[in-house]
C-alpha atoms as a PDB file:
ATOM      1  CA  MET A   1     102.292  96.505 103.751  1.00  0.00           C
ATOM      2  CA  SER A   2     100.019  98.331 106.122  1.00  0.00           C
ATOM      3  CA  ALA A   3      96.250  98.295 105.802  1.00  0.00           C
ATOM      4  CA  THR A   4      96.289 102.016 105.152  1.00  0.00           C
ATOM      5  CA  VAL A   5      98.494 101.637 102.105  1.00  0.00           C
ATOM      6  CA  GLU A   6      96.461  98.686 100.870  1.00  0.00           C
ATOM      7  CA  GLN A   7      93.437 100.933 100.935  1.00  0.00           C
ATOM      8  CA  GLN A   8      95.381 103.690  99.172  1.00  0.00           C
ATOM      9  CA  GLN A   9      96.446 101.336  96.398  1.00  0.00           C
ATOM     10  CA  ALA A  10      92.845 100.499  95.627  1.00  0.00           C
ATOM     11  CA  VAL A  11      91.879 104.122  95.162  1.00  0.00           C
ATOM     12  CA  ALA A  12      94.706 105.738  93.204  1.00  0.00           C
ATOM     13  CA  ASP A  13      92.288 107.869  91.200  1.00  0.00           C
ATOM     14  CA  ARG A  14      89.888 108.708  93.978  1.00  0.00           C
ATOM     15  CA  ILE A  15      88.445 112.209  94.217  1.00  0.00           C
ATOM     16  CA  ASP A  16      87.997 113.313  97.817  1.00  0.00           C
ATOM     17  CA  GLY A  17      84.412 112.927  98.974  1.00  0.00           C
ATOM     18  CA  VAL A  18      83.316 111.032  95.856  1.00  0.00           C
ATOM     19  CA  LEU A  19      82.596 107.315  95.608  1.00  0.00           C
ATOM     20  CA  HIS A  20      85.281 105.281  93.857  1.00  0.00           C
ATOM     21  CA  PRO A  21      83.955 103.214  90.889  1.00  0.00           C
ATOM     22  CA  ALA A  22      84.215 100.059  92.993  1.00  0.00           C
ATOM     23  CA  GLU A  23      81.859 101.655  95.529  1.00  0.00           C
ATOM     24  CA  ASN A  24      79.465 103.425  93.175  1.00  0.00           C
ATOM     25  CA  PRO A  25      76.282 101.295  93.070  1.00  0.00           C
ATOM     26  CA  ILE A  26      74.674 103.101  90.122  1.00  0.00           C
ATOM     27  CA  VAL A  27      75.726 102.973  86.468  1.00  0.00           C
ATOM     28  CA  THR A  28      74.323 105.986  84.629  1.00  0.00           C
ATOM     29  CA  GLY A  29      73.844 106.079  80.866  1.00  0.00           C
ATOM     30  CA  HIS A  30      75.164 102.595  80.150  1.00  0.00           C
ATOM     31  CA  ASP A  31      72.303 100.260  81.096  1.00  0.00           C
ATOM     32  CA  GLU A  32      72.029  99.028  77.508  1.00  0.00           C
ATOM     33  CA  MET A  33      75.677  97.969  77.506  1.00  0.00           C
ATOM     34  CA  LEU A  34      75.279  96.207  80.852  1.00  0.00           C
ATOM     35  CA  SER A  35      72.359  94.245  79.439  1.00  0.00           C
ATOM     36  CA  HIS A  36      74.413  93.410  76.334  1.00  0.00           C
ATOM     37  CA  LEU A  37      77.117  91.958  78.558  1.00  0.00           C
ATOM     38  CA  ALA A  38      74.509  90.102  80.611  1.00  0.00           C
ATOM     39  CA  ARG A  39      73.096  88.474  77.469  1.00  0.00           C
ATOM     40  CA  GLN A  40      76.579  87.472  76.335  1.00  0.00           C
ATOM     41  CA  TYR A  41      77.265  85.936  79.729  1.00  0.00           C
ATOM     42  CA  ARG A  42      73.951  84.067  79.740  1.00  0.00           C
ATOM     43  CA  THR A  43      74.950  82.220  76.534  1.00  0.00           C
ATOM     44  CA  GLY A  44      77.802  80.508  78.388  1.00  0.00           C
ATOM     45  CA  ARG A  45      80.175  81.490  75.588  1.00  0.00           C
ATOM     46  CA  MET A  46      81.256  84.910  76.798  1.00  0.00           C
ATOM     47  CA  HIS A  47      84.613  86.109  75.503  1.00  0.00           C
ATOM     48  CA  HIS A  48      87.307  86.063  78.180  1.00  0.00           C
ATOM     49  CA  ALA A  49      88.612  89.613  77.556  1.00  0.00           C
ATOM     50  CA  TRP A  50      86.691  92.851  77.105  1.00  0.00           C
ATOM     51  CA  LEU A  51      88.262  96.157  76.157  1.00  0.00           C
ATOM     52  CA  ILE A  52      86.153  99.052  77.459  1.00  0.00           C
ATOM     53  CA  THR A  53      87.046 102.321  75.756  1.00  0.00           C
ATOM     54  CA  GLY A  54      85.854 105.906  75.982  1.00  0.00           C
ATOM     55  CA  PRO A  55      86.840 109.262  77.492  1.00  0.00           C
ATOM     56  CA  ARG A  56      87.993 109.421  81.094  1.00  0.00           C
ATOM     57  CA  GLY A  57      85.268 109.823  83.702  1.00  0.00           C
ATOM     58  CA  ILE A  58      82.230 108.527  81.805  1.00  0.00           C
ATOM     59  CA  GLY A  59      81.725 105.393  83.919  1.00  0.00           C
ATOM     60  CA  LYS A  60      83.907 102.694  82.333  1.00  0.00           C
ATOM     61  CA  ALA A  61      85.369 101.444  85.614  1.00  0.00           C
ATOM     62  CA  THR A  62      81.994 101.660  87.344  1.00  0.00           C
ATOM     63  CA  LEU A  63      80.480  99.488  84.613  1.00  0.00           C
ATOM     64  CA  ALA A  64      83.318  96.959  84.955  1.00  0.00           C
ATOM     65  CA  PHE A  65      82.925  96.665  88.736  1.00  0.00           C
ATOM     66  CA  ARG A  66      79.153  96.381  88.550  1.00  0.00           C
ATOM     67  CA  PHE A  67      79.259  93.670  85.884  1.00  0.00           C
ATOM     68  CA  ALA A  68      81.922  91.848  87.879  1.00  0.00           C
ATOM     69  CA  GLY A  69      79.406  91.792  90.719  1.00  0.00           C
ATOM     70  CA  HIS A  70      76.766  90.397  88.326  1.00  0.00           C
ATOM     71  CA  VAL A  71      79.042  87.481  87.385  1.00  0.00           C
ATOM     72  CA  LEU A  72      80.079  86.795  90.974  1.00  0.00           C
ATOM     73  CA  ARG A  73      76.419  86.786  92.059  1.00  0.00           C
ATOM     74  CA  HIS A  74      75.501  84.387  89.257  1.00  0.00           C
ATOM     75  CA  PRO A  75      78.412  81.957  88.829  1.00  0.00           C
ATOM     76  CA  ASP A  76      76.274  79.697  86.605  1.00  0.00           C
ATOM     77  CA  PRO A  77      75.655  81.559  83.316  1.00  0.00           C
ATOM     78  CA  GLY A  78      72.671  79.370  82.516  1.00  0.00           C
ATOM     79  CA  THR A  79      70.709  80.654  85.508  1.00  0.00           C
ATOM     80  CA  ALA A  80      71.835  84.288  85.252  1.00  0.00           C
ATOM     81  CA  PRO A  81      69.303  86.984  84.239  1.00  0.00           C
ATOM     82  CA  GLN A  82      68.968  87.726  80.526  1.00  0.00           C
ATOM     83  CA  ASN A  83      69.369  91.433  81.187  1.00  0.00           C
ATOM     84  CA  TRP A  84      71.103  93.623  83.726  1.00  0.00           C
ATOM     85  CA  VAL A  85      69.276  93.747  87.042  1.00  0.00           C
ATOM     86  CA  THR A  86      70.269  96.371  89.609  1.00  0.00           C
ATOM     87  CA  PRO A  87      71.297  94.531  92.802  1.00  0.00           C
ATOM     88  CA  GLU A  88      69.576  95.033  96.124  1.00  0.00           C
ATOM     89  CA  VAL A  89      70.899  97.786  98.371  1.00  0.00           C
ATOM     90  CA  ASN A  90      72.346  95.338 100.898  1.00  0.00           C
ATOM     91  CA  ASP A  91      73.658  92.824  98.362  1.00  0.00           C
ATOM     92  CA  VAL A  92      76.508  90.853  99.976  1.00  0.00           C
ATOM     93  CA  VAL A  93      78.563  90.498  96.785  1.00  0.00           C
ATOM     94  CA  GLU A  94      78.323  94.200  96.026  1.00  0.00           C
ATOM     95  CA  SER A  95      79.483  95.013  99.549  1.00  0.00           C
ATOM     96  CA  ARG A  96      82.544  92.792  99.135  1.00  0.00           C
ATOM     97  CA  VAL A  97      83.336  94.267  95.723  1.00  0.00           C
ATOM     98  CA  ALA A  98      82.960  97.814  97.060  1.00  0.00           C
ATOM     99  CA  GLY A  99      85.255  97.087  99.993  1.00  0.00           C
ATOM    100  CA  GLY A 100      87.918  95.419  97.867  1.00  0.00           C
ATOM    101  CA  GLY A 101      87.389  92.217  99.813  1.00  0.00           C
ATOM    102  CA  HIS A 102      86.172  89.750  97.201  1.00  0.00           C
ATOM    103  CA  PRO A 103      88.887  87.102  96.676  1.00  0.00           C
ATOM    104  CA  ASN A 104      87.789  86.417  93.093  1.00  0.00           C
ATOM    105  CA  LEU A 105      88.155  90.012  91.921  1.00  0.00           C
ATOM    106  CA  LEU A 106      91.536  91.619  91.196  1.00  0.00           C
ATOM    107  CA  HIS A 107      91.825  95.359  90.535  1.00  0.00           C
ATOM    108  CA  LEU A 108      95.086  96.242  88.768  1.00  0.00           C
ATOM    109  CA  THR A 109      95.972  99.918  88.937  1.00  0.00           C
ATOM    110  CA  ARG A 110      98.958 102.186  89.508  1.00  0.00           C
ATOM    111  CA  PRO A 111     100.741 101.018  92.686  1.00  0.00           C
ATOM    112  CA  TRP A 112     101.820 103.033  95.682  1.00  0.00           C
ATOM    113  CA  ASP A 113     105.495 104.058  95.687  1.00  0.00           C
ATOM    114  CA  PHE A 114     106.727 103.551  99.260  1.00  0.00           C
ATOM    115  CA  LYS A 115     109.932 105.490  98.632  1.00  0.00           C
ATOM    116  CA  ASP A 116     108.398 108.630  97.135  1.00  0.00           C
ATOM    117  CA  LYS A 117     105.152 108.351  99.146  1.00  0.00           C
ATOM    118  CA  LYS A 118     102.922 108.770  96.102  1.00  0.00           C
ATOM    119  CA  PHE A 119     101.304 106.675  93.403  1.00  0.00           C
ATOM    120  CA  LYS A 120     103.529 105.607  90.558  1.00  0.00           C
ATOM    121  CA  THR A 121     102.887 107.154  87.180  1.00  0.00           C
ATOM    122  CA  GLN A 122     102.676 103.752  85.477  1.00  0.00           C
ATOM    123  CA  LEU A 123     100.890 100.453  85.884  1.00  0.00           C
ATOM    124  CA  THR A 124     103.953  98.238  86.149  1.00  0.00           C
ATOM    125  CA  VAL A 125     104.732  94.702  85.056  1.00  0.00           C
ATOM    126  CA  ASP A 126     104.886  93.617  88.716  1.00  0.00           C
ATOM    127  CA  GLU A 127     101.221  94.553  89.086  1.00  0.00           C
ATOM    128  CA  ILE A 128     100.221  92.585  85.982  1.00  0.00           C
ATOM    129  CA  ARG A 129     102.155  89.588  87.316  1.00  0.00           C
ATOM    130  CA  LEU A 130      99.859  89.531  90.332  1.00  0.00           C
ATOM    131  CA  THR A 131      97.489  87.664  88.019  1.00  0.00           C
ATOM    132  CA  VAL A 132      99.732  84.580  88.218  1.00  0.00           C
ATOM    133  CA  PRO A 133      99.002  83.707  91.866  1.00  0.00           C
ATOM    134  CA  PHE A 134      95.489  85.151  91.546  1.00  0.00           C
ATOM    135  CA  PHE A 135      94.557  82.793  88.714  1.00  0.00           C
ATOM    136  CA  GLY A 136      96.698  79.945  89.990  1.00  0.00           C
ATOM    137  CA  THR A 137      97.635  78.786  93.447  1.00  0.00           C
ATOM    138  CA  SER A 138      95.734  81.363  95.491  1.00  0.00           C
ATOM    139  CA  ARG A 139      92.302  80.863  94.029  1.00  0.00           C
ATOM    140  CA  GLY A 140      89.882  82.268  96.561  1.00  0.00           C
ATOM    141  CA  GLU A 141      86.456  80.748  95.963  1.00  0.00           C
ATOM    142  CA  SER A 142      84.842  78.511  93.387  1.00  0.00           C
ATOM    143  CA  GLY A 143      83.419  80.203  90.319  1.00  0.00           C
ATOM    144  CA  TRP A 144      84.707  82.935  88.065  1.00  0.00           C
ATOM    145  CA  ARG A 145      87.823  85.002  88.614  1.00  0.00           C
ATOM    146  CA  ILE A 146      87.802  88.539  87.251  1.00  0.00           C
ATOM    147  CA  ALA A 147      90.637  91.005  86.686  1.00  0.00           C
ATOM    148  CA  ILE A 148      90.018  94.698  85.987  1.00  0.00           C
ATOM    149  CA  VAL A 149      92.961  96.508  84.374  1.00  0.00           C
ATOM    150  CA  ASP A 150      92.521 100.184  85.212  1.00  0.00           C
ATOM    151  CA  SER A 151      93.807 101.553  82.955  1.00  0.00           C
ATOM    152  CA  ALA A 152      95.678 100.396  79.868  1.00  0.00           C
ATOM    153  CA  ASP A 153      96.786 104.007  79.351  1.00  0.00           C
ATOM    154  CA  ASP A 154      99.020 103.644  82.416  1.00  0.00           C
ATOM    155  CA  MET A 155     100.779 100.434  81.374  1.00  0.00           C
ATOM    156  CA  ASN A 156     104.415 100.535  80.316  1.00  0.00           C
ATOM    157  CA  ARG A 157     105.707  98.241  77.553  1.00  0.00           C
ATOM    158  CA  ASN A 158     106.722  95.402  79.881  1.00  0.00           C
ATOM    159  CA  ALA A 159     103.322  95.454  81.575  1.00  0.00           C
ATOM    160  CA  SER A 160     101.594  95.392  78.198  1.00  0.00           C
ATOM    161  CA  ASN A 161     103.656  92.407  77.060  1.00  0.00           C
ATOM    162  CA  SER A 162     102.947  90.567  80.290  1.00  0.00           C
ATOM    163  CA  LEU A 163      99.218  91.159  79.915  1.00  0.00           C
ATOM    164  CA  LEU A 164      99.329  89.911  76.321  1.00  0.00           C
ATOM    165  CA  LYS A 165     100.822  86.582  77.429  1.00  0.00           C
ATOM    166  CA  ILE A 166      97.990  86.025  79.900  1.00  0.00           C
ATOM    167  CA  LEU A 167      95.335  86.934  77.346  1.00  0.00           C
ATOM    168  CA  GLU A 168      96.806  84.475  74.848  1.00  0.00           C
ATOM    169  CA  GLU A 169      96.397  81.528  77.254  1.00  0.00           C
ATOM    170  CA  PRO A 170      93.665  82.454  79.734  1.00  0.00           C
ATOM    171  CA  PRO A 171      92.715  80.029  82.520  1.00  0.00           C
ATOM    172  CA  ASP A 172      89.201  78.616  82.537  1.00  0.00           C
ATOM    173  CA  ASN A 173      86.374  80.696  84.025  1.00  0.00           C
ATOM    174  CA  THR A 174      88.389  83.891  83.694  1.00  0.00           C
ATOM    175  CA  LEU A 175      87.238  87.360  82.672  1.00  0.00           C
ATOM    176  CA  PHE A 176      89.325  90.432  81.927  1.00  0.00           C
ATOM    177  CA  PHE A 177      87.967  93.966  81.732  1.00  0.00           C
ATOM    178  CA  ILE A 178      90.608  96.291  80.298  1.00  0.00           C
ATOM    179  CA  ILE A 179      89.819  99.989  80.583  1.00  0.00           C
ATOM    180  CA  ALA A 180      91.313 102.446  78.089  1.00  0.00           C
ATOM    181  CA  HIS A 181      90.722 106.199  77.951  1.00  0.00           C
ATOM    182  CA  ALA A 182      92.522 106.788  74.636  1.00  0.00           C
ATOM    183  CA  ASN A 183      92.107 104.781  71.440  1.00  0.00           C
ATOM    184  CA  GLY A 184      95.846 104.363  71.017  1.00  0.00           C
ATOM    185  CA  ALA A 185      96.476 103.211  74.582  1.00  0.00           C
ATOM    186  CA  VAL A 186      96.159  99.515  73.725  1.00  0.00           C
ATOM    187  CA  SER A 187      98.508  97.688  71.380  1.00  0.00           C
ATOM    188  CA  PRO A 188      96.951  96.092  68.274  1.00  0.00           C
ATOM    189  CA  THR A 189      97.913  92.620  69.529  1.00  0.00           C
ATOM    190  CA  ILE A 190      96.070  93.075  72.830  1.00  0.00           C
ATOM    191  CA  ARG A 191      93.136  94.672  71.023  1.00  0.00           C
ATOM    192  CA  SER A 192      92.915  91.684  68.668  1.00  0.00           C
ATOM    193  CA  ARG A 193      92.421  89.364  71.642  1.00  0.00           C
ATOM    194  CA  CYS A 194      89.571  91.364  73.145  1.00  0.00           C
ATOM    195  CA  GLN A 195      85.962  92.114  72.440  1.00  0.00           C
ATOM    196  CA  SER A 196      85.737  95.888  72.216  1.00  0.00           C
ATOM    197  CA  VAL A 197      83.064  97.941  73.940  1.00  0.00           C
ATOM    198  CA  ALA A 198      83.028 101.667  73.194  1.00  0.00           C
ATOM    199  CA  LEU A 199      81.158 103.750  75.749  1.00  0.00           C
ATOM    200  CA  LYS A 200      79.898 107.174  74.722  1.00  0.00           C
ATOM    201  CA  PRO A 201      80.141 110.341  76.826  1.00  0.00           C
ATOM    202  CA  LEU A 202      77.094 110.998  78.988  1.00  0.00           C
ATOM    203  CA  CYS A 203      74.478 113.499  77.896  1.00  0.00           C
ATOM    204  CA  ASP A 204      74.285 116.781  79.834  1.00  0.00           C
ATOM    205  CA  ALA A 205      71.190 115.648  81.734  1.00  0.00           C
ATOM    206  CA  ASP A 206      72.912 112.451  82.917  1.00  0.00           C
ATOM    207  CA  VAL A 207      76.005 114.391  84.005  1.00  0.00           C
ATOM    208  CA  LEU A 208      73.883 116.754  86.101  1.00  0.00           C
ATOM    209  CA  ASP A 209      71.893 113.820  87.500  1.00  0.00           C
ATOM    210  CA  VAL A 210      75.075 112.112  88.726  1.00  0.00           C
ATOM    211  CA  LEU A 211      76.447 115.368  90.124  1.00  0.00           C
ATOM    212  CA  ASP A 212      73.173 115.902  91.975  1.00  0.00           C
ATOM    213  CA  ARG A 213      73.368 112.427  93.552  1.00  0.00           C
ATOM    214  CA  LEU A 214      76.964 113.095  94.548  1.00  0.00           C
ATOM    215  CA  GLY A 215      76.050 116.443  96.047  1.00  0.00           C
ATOM    216  CA  VAL A 216      78.416 118.304  93.728  1.00  0.00           C
ATOM    217  CA  VAL A 217      75.973 120.612  91.941  1.00  0.00           C
ATOM    218  CA  VAL A 218      75.264 122.467  95.167  1.00  0.00           C
ATOM    219  CA  GLU A 219      78.831 123.762  94.915  1.00  0.00           C
ATOM    220  CA  VAL A 220      77.982 125.605  91.674  1.00  0.00           C
ATOM    221  CA  ASP A 221      75.543 128.475  91.143  1.00  0.00           C
ATOM    222  CA  LYS A 222      72.395 127.066  89.525  1.00  0.00           C
ATOM    223  CA  LYS A 223      72.646 129.495  86.608  1.00  0.00           C
ATOM    224  CA  ASN A 224      75.959 127.835  85.683  1.00  0.00           C
ATOM    225  CA  HIS A 225      74.735 124.230  85.725  1.00  0.00           C
ATOM    226  CA  ALA A 226      74.149 124.092  81.965  1.00  0.00           C
ATOM    227  CA  LEU A 227      77.612 125.519  81.269  1.00  0.00           C
ATOM    228  CA  LEU A 228      79.184 123.072  83.712  1.00  0.00           C
ATOM    229  CA  ALA A 229      77.512 120.139  81.957  1.00  0.00           C
ATOM    230  CA  ARG A 230      78.561 121.395  78.529  1.00  0.00           C
ATOM    231  CA  LEU A 231      82.186 121.923  79.538  1.00  0.00           C
ATOM    232  CA  SER A 232      82.289 118.453  81.103  1.00  0.00           C
ATOM    233  CA  SER A 233      82.088 116.879  77.620  1.00  0.00           C
ATOM    234  CA  GLY A 234      80.053 114.033  79.071  1.00  0.00           C
ATOM    235  CA  SER A 235      82.579 113.206  81.806  1.00  0.00           C
ATOM    236  CA  VAL A 236      81.409 113.226  85.410  1.00  0.00           C
ATOM    237  CA  ARG A 237      84.998 113.263  86.616  1.00  0.00           C
ATOM    238  CA  ARG A 238      85.776 116.364  84.576  1.00  0.00           C
ATOM    239  CA  ALA A 239      82.598 118.049  85.792  1.00  0.00           C
ATOM    240  CA  ILE A 240      83.622 117.451  89.414  1.00  0.00           C
ATOM    241  CA  VAL A 241      87.110 118.823  88.785  1.00  0.00           C
ATOM    242  CA  LEU A 242      85.581 121.856  87.056  1.00  0.00           C
ATOM    243  CA  ALA A 243      83.179 122.473  89.928  1.00  0.00           C
ATOM    244  CA  ARG A 244      85.783 122.140  92.660  1.00  0.00           C
ATOM    245  CA  ASN A 245      88.699 123.956  91.056  1.00  0.00           C
ATOM    246  CA  LYS A 246      87.094 127.150  89.785  1.00  0.00           C
ATOM    247  CA  GLY A 247      86.940 125.559  86.354  1.00  0.00           C
ATOM    248  CA  LEU A 248      84.225 127.856  85.055  1.00  0.00           C
ATOM    249  CA  GLU A 249      86.315 130.886  86.001  1.00  0.00           C
ATOM    250  CA  LEU A 250      89.343 129.258  84.377  1.00  0.00           C
ATOM    251  CA  HIS A 251      87.361 128.728  81.184  1.00  0.00           C
ATOM    252  CA  GLN A 252      86.288 132.369  81.187  1.00  0.00           C
ATOM    253  CA  ARG A 253      89.905 133.501  81.544  1.00  0.00           C
ATOM    254  CA  PHE A 254      91.072 131.175  78.758  1.00  0.00           C
ATOM    255  CA  VAL A 255      88.369 132.388  76.382  1.00  0.00           C
ATOM    256  CA  ALA A 256      89.283 136.007  77.171  1.00  0.00           C
ATOM    257  CA  ALA A 257      92.960 135.314  76.475  1.00  0.00           C
ATOM    258  CA  CYS A 258      92.038 133.826  73.083  1.00  0.00           C
ATOM    259  CA  GLU A 259      89.785 136.690  71.991  1.00  0.00           C
ATOM    260  CA  ASP A 260      92.513 138.527  70.051  1.00  0.00           C
ATOM    261  CA  LEU A 261      95.455 136.225  69.406  1.00  0.00           C
ATOM    262  CA  SER A 262      96.915 138.715  66.961  1.00  0.00           C
ATOM    263  CA  ARG A 263      97.625 141.015  69.913  1.00  0.00           C
ATOM    264  CA  LEU A 264      98.440 138.809  72.853  1.00  0.00           C
ATOM    265  CA  ASN A 265      97.904 140.282  76.298  1.00  0.00           C
ATOM    266  CA  TRP A 266     101.017 138.835  77.897  1.00  0.00           C
ATOM    267  CA  SER A 267     100.297 140.177  81.367  1.00  0.00           C
ATOM    268  CA  GLU A 268      96.989 138.260  81.442  1.00  0.00           C
ATOM    269  CA  ILE A 269      98.577 135.174  79.895  1.00  0.00           C
ATOM    270  CA  HIS A 270     101.412 135.154  82.466  1.00  0.00           C
ATOM    271  CA  ALA A 271      98.870 135.531  85.255  1.00  0.00           C
ATOM    272  CA  LEU A 272      96.815 132.654  83.813  1.00  0.00           C
ATOM    273  CA  ALA A 273      99.891 130.439  83.480  1.00  0.00           C
ATOM    274  CA  ASP A 274     101.053 131.289  87.003  1.00  0.00           C
ATOM    275  CA  SER A 275      97.654 130.341  88.429  1.00  0.00           C
ATOM    276  CA  VAL A 276      97.877 126.757  87.145  1.00  0.00           C
ATOM    277  CA  ALA A 277     101.627 126.067  87.237  1.00  0.00           C
ATOM    278  CA  LEU A 278     102.134 126.193  90.999  1.00  0.00           C
ATOM    279  CA  ARG A 279     102.544 123.059  93.112  1.00  0.00           C
ATOM    280  CA  GLY A 280      99.165 121.696  94.151  1.00  0.00           C
ATOM    281  CA  LYS A 281      97.413 123.115  91.071  1.00  0.00           C
ATOM    282  CA  GLU A 282      97.654 119.947  88.968  1.00  0.00           C
ATOM    283  CA  ASP A 283      93.906 119.688  88.410  1.00  0.00           C
ATOM    284  CA  GLN A 284      93.657 123.284  87.207  1.00  0.00           C
ATOM    285  CA  TYR A 285      96.680 122.803  84.938  1.00  0.00           C
ATOM    286  CA  ARG A 286      95.168 119.713  83.321  1.00  0.00           C
ATOM    287  CA  LEU A 287      91.835 121.483  82.967  1.00  0.00           C
ATOM    288  CA  LEU A 288      93.460 124.367  81.134  1.00  0.00           C
ATOM    289  CA  LEU A 289      95.332 121.959  78.870  1.00  0.00           C
ATOM    290  CA  SER A 290      92.127 120.117  78.041  1.00  0.00           C
ATOM    291  CA  MET A 291      90.410 123.410  77.189  1.00  0.00           C
ATOM    292  CA  ALA A 292      93.365 124.353  74.986  1.00  0.00           C
ATOM    293  CA  ASN A 293      93.337 120.961  73.262  1.00  0.00           C
ATOM    294  CA  GLU A 294      89.634 121.275  72.477  1.00  0.00           C
ATOM    295  CA  TYR A 295      90.163 124.803  71.148  1.00  0.00           C
ATOM    296  CA  LEU A 296      93.071 123.664  68.966  1.00  0.00           C
ATOM    297  CA  GLU A 297      91.201 120.586  67.748  1.00  0.00           C
ATOM    298  CA  SER A 298      88.234 122.732  66.743  1.00  0.00           C
ATOM    299  CA  ASN A 299      90.498 125.051  64.748  1.00  0.00           C
ATOM    300  CA  ALA A 300      92.513 122.204  63.234  1.00  0.00           C
ATOM    301  CA  THR A 301      89.369 120.507  61.941  1.00  0.00           C
ATOM    302  CA  GLY A 302      87.694 123.697  60.731  1.00  0.00           C
ATOM    303  CA  HIS A 303      84.718 123.118  62.993  1.00  0.00           C
ATOM    304  CA  GLY A 304      81.958 125.662  62.296  1.00  0.00           C
ATOM    305  CA  LYS A 305      83.720 127.196  59.294  1.00  0.00           C
ATOM    306  CA  SER A 306      82.202 127.182  55.807  1.00  0.00           C
ATOM    307  CA  ASN A 307      85.329 128.193  53.885  1.00  0.00           C
ATOM    308  CA  VAL A 308      88.325 126.216  55.044  1.00  0.00           C
ATOM    309  CA  ASP A 309      91.945 127.024  54.206  1.00  0.00           C
ATOM    310  CA  ILE A 310      93.826 123.703  54.263  1.00  0.00           C
ATOM    311  CA  SER A 311      97.150 125.358  55.027  1.00  0.00           C
ATOM    312  CA  GLU A 312      95.587 127.157  57.989  1.00  0.00           C
ATOM    313  CA  LEU A 313      94.176 123.884  59.325  1.00  0.00           C
ATOM    314  CA  ALA A 314      97.616 122.343  59.015  1.00  0.00           C
ATOM    315  CA  ARG A 315      99.176 125.144  61.075  1.00  0.00           C
ATOM    316  CA  TRP A 316      96.581 124.697  63.824  1.00  0.00           C
ATOM    317  CA  ALA A 317      97.161 120.934  63.758  1.00  0.00           C
ATOM    318  CA  GLU A 318     100.890 121.545  64.151  1.00  0.00           C
ATOM    319  CA  VAL A 319     100.277 123.667  67.247  1.00  0.00           C
ATOM    320  CA  TRP A 320      97.939 120.984  68.571  1.00  0.00           C
ATOM    321  CA  GLU A 321     100.600 118.276  68.245  1.00  0.00           C
ATOM    322  CA  LYS A 322     103.364 120.548  69.556  1.00  0.00           C
ATOM    323  CA  THR A 323     101.334 121.404  72.664  1.00  0.00           C
ATOM    324  CA  ARG A 324     100.512 117.778  73.421  1.00  0.00           C
ATOM    325  CA  HIS A 325     104.172 116.833  73.009  1.00  0.00           C
ATOM    326  CA  SER A 326     105.335 119.694  75.264  1.00  0.00           C
ATOM    327  CA  ALA A 327     102.787 118.743  77.934  1.00  0.00           C
ATOM    328  CA  ASP A 328     103.894 115.090  77.802  1.00  0.00           C
ATOM    329  CA  LEU A 329     107.554 116.070  78.226  1.00  0.00           C
ATOM    330  CA  ALA A 330     106.731 118.404  81.103  1.00  0.00           C
ATOM    331  CA  GLU A 331     104.798 115.628  82.844  1.00  0.00           C
ATOM    332  CA  ARG A 332     107.448 112.986  82.250  1.00  0.00           C
ATOM    333  CA  TYR A 333     110.474 115.035  83.282  1.00  0.00           C
ATOM    334  CA  ASN A 334     108.845 117.428  85.756  1.00  0.00           C
ATOM    335  CA  LEU A 335     109.569 120.467  83.572  1.00  0.00           C
ATOM    336  CA  ASP A 336     108.185 123.994  83.951  1.00  0.00           C
ATOM    337  CA  ARG A 337     104.437 123.863  83.338  1.00  0.00           C
ATOM    338  CA  LYS A 338     104.215 127.604  82.933  1.00  0.00           C
ATOM    339  CA  GLN A 339     106.428 127.417  79.858  1.00  0.00           C
ATOM    340  CA  VAL A 340     103.997 124.927  78.273  1.00  0.00           C
ATOM    341  CA  ILE A 341     101.192 127.496  78.576  1.00  0.00           C
ATOM    342  CA  LEU A 342     103.312 130.413  77.373  1.00  0.00           C
ATOM    343  CA  SER A 343     104.529 128.423  74.357  1.00  0.00           C
ATOM    344  CA  LEU A 344     100.935 127.483  73.557  1.00  0.00           C
ATOM    345  CA  PHE A 345      99.829 131.120  73.293  1.00  0.00           C
ATOM    346  CA  GLN A 346     102.977 132.116  71.423  1.00  0.00           C
ATOM    347  CA  SER A 347     102.291 129.407  68.829  1.00  0.00           C
ATOM    348  CA  MET A 348      98.618 130.323  68.520  1.00  0.00           C
ATOM    349  CA  GLY A 349      99.541 133.964  68.020  1.00  0.00           C
ATOM    350  CA  GLU A 350     101.961 133.018  65.227  1.00  0.00           C
ATOM    351  CA  VAL A 351      99.262 131.033  63.431  1.00  0.00           C
ATOM    352  CA  VAL A 352      96.860 133.981  63.512  1.00  0.00           C
ATOM    353  CA  GLN A 353      99.525 136.376  62.269  1.00  0.00           C
ATOM    354  CA  GLN A 354     100.111 134.119  59.241  1.00  0.00           C
ATOM    355  CA  GLN A 355      96.460 134.225  58.187  1.00  0.00           C
END
């Protein structure tokens, strides 16, 4: 394997021009959780597996990498700080973690497919099995060994079963940080063997603060900063995708298309679907789907309505589930994305006509 591909494998979810979580030295909005972990570690009785849950892009992986650095800097729990302490700028351990060069840290993520020249869509069992030599014969340095599973959402069944076996009989001085974006991404048996940590989405101010440090907000007109933060739903990753893929314009077009669902403007809807269904428009397509899911969820739960018709909520919920299923099938079997969008609006129009 070439060095170039090794570097690619470590950054499967990298956004161009933005620090990968392994490289990001600052954890925003989660200092309290870092200190909680630090106190647990200081006791000397820290649980060997931690499940870190929360929406994509709120800093789960960044937290895992930074706390891994804390443990590797302080291999003796009894002498470790009681609370999280931000490392020095030129900290040697942090530099090794950021560069993927620390022998006692293993980052498990979707591998590079040499045949198709792209990252695989799943975190495979072969990747999970890398823990065997990592925890066994190829131990790098004395002290703790830490594996970050990023993310559980990407694991197939075989990978999940392989991870479960390791968690059931963990080696000494071992820590697992398992990242999950969706609550249902982790099997109950794996969940039962972990301490769960649920991270909340960032507040709007924290999102804008991170974007400012990353130099992303300069790409968006200042008058739209508040809207960008609100549409991000507390996810820095989503905010970056919005800012760099005309997400605010996409939101405006989606809202306009939903203004009168009883009389669908099919020319506008086809144009909207065409704009996100083309090759190379994956980020825009996923953005539009996320906007649609939030719109459907709001209607299915009766958000903001005083008088709720249960049958109407059920119809919206049915469209919500149908759209998610259609999107999953399109992703899995490389089906026509445009048809997913057209079917979405057709179904929404039918719900409104039944009211």
